[in-house]
């Protein structure tokens, strides 16, 4: 197995930065990165790359040029565009690891762009938040090159990466179907508990959940899940539109997933609620923003 010495990161947001930090533990590695925000040298992405001494490329092909592995960690909507943009910079047999939350159909299109340029496309379904496990996050590898890449993944610190299927799109389908539940639960909890808080019955609703689905601290879980929507609503909405595409590709009308995408997009406006980690305070901050302020109703 040839040791990888040069890696390009496409996308330098939360995931790209976490991976860069872990990959830099390998002193022999050279890292380059490209993010569409690099066009602004005052952007957080550009400054984060400079602070880590990662080479800031001038474009996606520039980042990919000379890399033995390209890791795509862009937003869901940019999955295909990123693959097509990087393709001209790929040398023959370059690994292309696609971490993005996209539908099986979009993953297959991205694979065709990479393979047409001579690269080796591996889809990866990231099955939990990137933090706190970072490069050790559970990851399902898929496609015809997945088994051959697995050893490289382990050597680079992707210790929980496992080969899932040689069929391209299967790993993505597993991730997308999981997101119907996870992102859907985030959206449902926000809608339910904001309404319950308005009527001052939120404690009763949470107690009922505790009785019906024991084993969780529901106030803590709800606060965490709602905060994820608030912090990453726009990105989650993009993912849920890919989930809706996945459901539609299966022949089912994606009623729940489309609604979830709308609610996730809506949640992104409440950034100030993150200053109040306790559930009740978070809900009150959101409610005050909605109705300016939203009146409480006695039960």
Foldseek 3Di string as FASTA:
>chain_A
DDAWAEEEEEDQDPQNLLLLVLLVVPVSHAYAYEYPCVVDCVDPSNVSCVVSVHHYAPFLLRRQAPGLEYEYDHFAVCQQVSLLRNLVNHDAAREYEYAYLFALVSQVNSCVNNVVSRYHYKYKHFQDDCPPVNLCGAIEIEAQCRVVCVVNSVVSPNVNYDHDYNDRRPNSLVNLVVLLPLLLVLLVLLVVQLVCQQQVCNVVVQVVCCVVPNDDPSQLVNLVSPVCLQCCLQSSLSSLVSSQVNCVVVVHHSPSSNVSSVSSVVSPVQNVLVVPSGNSSSSQSVCCVPPVHRHHHYD
